[in-house]
N, C-alpha and C. Protein backbone atom coordinates (compact mmCIF):
# COMPACT_ATOMS: atom_id res chain seq x y z
N MET A 1 45.98 35.54 6.60
CA MET A 1 44.87 34.68 6.34
C MET A 1 45.13 33.35 7.01
N GLU A 2 44.08 32.78 7.54
CA GLU A 2 44.13 31.39 8.02
C GLU A 2 43.25 30.59 7.08
N ILE A 3 43.80 29.54 6.52
CA ILE A 3 43.03 28.71 5.59
C ILE A 3 43.08 27.26 6.00
N THR A 4 42.01 26.56 5.68
CA THR A 4 41.96 25.12 5.86
C THR A 4 41.80 24.50 4.49
N VAL A 5 42.71 23.57 4.18
CA VAL A 5 42.69 22.86 2.91
C VAL A 5 42.12 21.47 3.15
N GLY A 6 41.08 21.12 2.40
CA GLY A 6 40.44 19.82 2.54
C GLY A 6 41.20 18.73 1.80
N THR A 7 40.77 17.51 1.97
CA THR A 7 41.46 16.37 1.38
C THR A 7 41.47 16.40 -0.15
N ASP A 8 40.51 17.10 -0.76
CA ASP A 8 40.49 17.20 -2.22
C ASP A 8 41.35 18.35 -2.74
N GLY A 9 42.00 19.09 -1.84
CA GLY A 9 42.88 20.18 -2.24
C GLY A 9 42.20 21.53 -2.33
N SER A 10 40.91 21.58 -2.06
CA SER A 10 40.21 22.87 -2.10
C SER A 10 40.26 23.54 -0.73
N VAL A 11 40.11 24.86 -0.72
CA VAL A 11 40.05 25.61 0.53
C VAL A 11 38.65 25.46 1.09
N THR A 12 38.55 24.86 2.26
CA THR A 12 37.24 24.61 2.86
C THR A 12 36.84 25.68 3.87
N ALA A 13 37.82 26.46 4.35
CA ALA A 13 37.53 27.54 5.29
C ALA A 13 38.64 28.58 5.18
N ALA A 14 38.28 29.83 5.40
CA ALA A 14 39.26 30.91 5.36
C ALA A 14 38.78 32.04 6.24
N ARG A 15 39.74 32.71 6.87
CA ARG A 15 39.39 33.88 7.67
C ARG A 15 40.58 34.83 7.71
N VAL A 16 40.27 36.10 7.85
CA VAL A 16 41.31 37.12 7.97
C VAL A 16 41.75 37.15 9.42
N VAL A 17 43.04 36.94 9.65
CA VAL A 17 43.59 36.96 11.00
C VAL A 17 43.98 38.38 11.39
N ASP A 18 44.58 39.10 10.44
CA ASP A 18 45.03 40.46 10.70
C ASP A 18 45.06 41.20 9.36
N ALA A 19 44.80 42.47 9.38
CA ALA A 19 44.83 43.26 8.15
C ALA A 19 45.30 44.67 8.45
N ASN A 20 46.03 45.23 7.49
CA ASN A 20 46.51 46.59 7.63
C ASN A 20 46.42 47.25 6.25
N PRO A 21 45.50 48.17 6.06
CA PRO A 21 44.53 48.70 7.00
C PRO A 21 43.39 47.71 7.25
N PRO A 22 42.81 47.77 8.43
CA PRO A 22 41.74 46.83 8.79
C PRO A 22 40.53 46.91 7.85
N ARG A 23 40.01 45.75 7.47
CA ARG A 23 38.76 45.58 6.74
C ARG A 23 38.70 46.21 5.35
N VAL A 24 39.81 46.68 4.81
CA VAL A 24 39.78 47.31 3.49
C VAL A 24 39.75 46.27 2.38
N PHE A 25 40.59 45.22 2.49
CA PHE A 25 40.69 44.21 1.44
C PHE A 25 40.18 42.84 1.88
N ASP A 26 39.52 42.75 3.02
CA ASP A 26 39.10 41.45 3.56
C ASP A 26 38.26 40.65 2.56
N ARG A 27 37.24 41.25 2.02
CA ARG A 27 36.33 40.54 1.11
C ARG A 27 37.07 40.02 -0.12
N GLU A 28 37.92 40.86 -0.70
CA GLU A 28 38.67 40.47 -1.89
C GLU A 28 39.68 39.36 -1.58
N ALA A 29 40.33 39.47 -0.44
CA ALA A 29 41.30 38.44 -0.05
C ALA A 29 40.62 37.11 0.19
N LEU A 30 39.49 37.11 0.87
CA LEU A 30 38.75 35.86 1.11
C LEU A 30 38.28 35.24 -0.20
N ALA A 31 37.78 36.05 -1.11
CA ALA A 31 37.32 35.53 -2.40
C ALA A 31 38.47 34.91 -3.17
N ALA A 32 39.62 35.54 -3.16
CA ALA A 32 40.79 35.01 -3.88
C ALA A 32 41.25 33.70 -3.27
N VAL A 33 41.37 33.66 -1.96
CA VAL A 33 41.86 32.45 -1.27
C VAL A 33 40.93 31.27 -1.49
N LYS A 34 39.64 31.51 -1.51
CA LYS A 34 38.68 30.41 -1.69
C LYS A 34 38.77 29.78 -3.09
N ARG A 35 39.43 30.46 -4.03
CA ARG A 35 39.62 29.90 -5.37
C ARG A 35 40.91 29.09 -5.49
N TRP A 36 41.78 29.17 -4.48
CA TRP A 36 43.05 28.44 -4.54
C TRP A 36 42.80 26.94 -4.58
N LYS A 37 43.68 26.22 -5.27
CA LYS A 37 43.62 24.76 -5.35
C LYS A 37 44.99 24.19 -5.01
N PHE A 38 45.00 23.13 -4.24
CA PHE A 38 46.22 22.45 -3.84
C PHE A 38 46.12 20.99 -4.25
N ALA A 39 47.23 20.28 -4.20
CA ALA A 39 47.22 18.85 -4.47
C ALA A 39 46.41 18.15 -3.38
N PRO A 40 45.69 17.08 -3.72
CA PRO A 40 44.94 16.33 -2.71
C PRO A 40 45.88 15.85 -1.58
N ILE A 41 45.33 15.80 -0.37
CA ILE A 41 46.10 15.38 0.81
C ILE A 41 45.30 14.36 1.61
N ASP A 42 45.98 13.69 2.54
CA ASP A 42 45.34 12.63 3.32
C ASP A 42 44.39 13.14 4.40
N ALA A 43 44.68 14.31 4.96
CA ALA A 43 43.85 14.86 6.03
C ALA A 43 43.81 16.38 5.88
N PRO A 44 42.73 17.01 6.29
CA PRO A 44 42.65 18.48 6.22
C PRO A 44 43.80 19.13 6.99
N VAL A 45 44.26 20.28 6.49
CA VAL A 45 45.35 21.03 7.11
C VAL A 45 44.94 22.48 7.23
N THR A 46 45.20 23.07 8.39
CA THR A 46 44.96 24.50 8.60
C THR A 46 46.31 25.18 8.72
N THR A 47 46.46 26.29 8.00
CA THR A 47 47.72 27.02 7.98
C THR A 47 47.44 28.50 7.84
N THR A 48 48.45 29.31 8.03
CA THR A 48 48.30 30.74 7.82
C THR A 48 49.22 31.18 6.68
N ARG A 49 48.77 32.16 5.93
CA ARG A 49 49.52 32.72 4.82
C ARG A 49 49.33 34.23 4.83
N THR A 50 50.38 34.94 4.46
CA THR A 50 50.31 36.39 4.34
C THR A 50 50.09 36.75 2.88
N ILE A 51 49.14 37.64 2.65
CA ILE A 51 48.86 38.14 1.31
C ILE A 51 49.14 39.63 1.31
N ASN A 52 49.98 40.06 0.39
CA ASN A 52 50.29 41.49 0.27
C ASN A 52 49.63 42.03 -0.98
N PHE A 53 48.86 43.11 -0.81
CA PHE A 53 48.25 43.80 -1.94
C PHE A 53 49.11 45.01 -2.26
N ARG A 54 49.44 45.16 -3.52
CA ARG A 54 50.22 46.32 -3.94
C ARG A 54 49.43 47.02 -5.06
N PRO A 55 48.52 47.90 -4.67
CA PRO A 55 47.72 48.60 -5.67
C PRO A 55 48.61 49.33 -6.69
N GLY A 56 48.26 49.18 -7.95
CA GLY A 56 49.01 49.83 -9.01
C GLY A 56 50.34 49.20 -9.32
N GLY A 57 50.66 48.09 -8.65
CA GLY A 57 51.98 47.48 -8.83
C GLY A 57 51.99 46.25 -9.66
């Protein structure tokens, strides 16, 4: 996932960079990431994070 965190600590943009298997969990991953909250910052930051889904785990 590539995410941009705004100055208020909310995720202002998110996109799937790579997925395996492709397009299976994209919608769920985007919805989860958009709910993330971070501490407020001075300027927006874009970063990438890996999310692993482990069904049944």
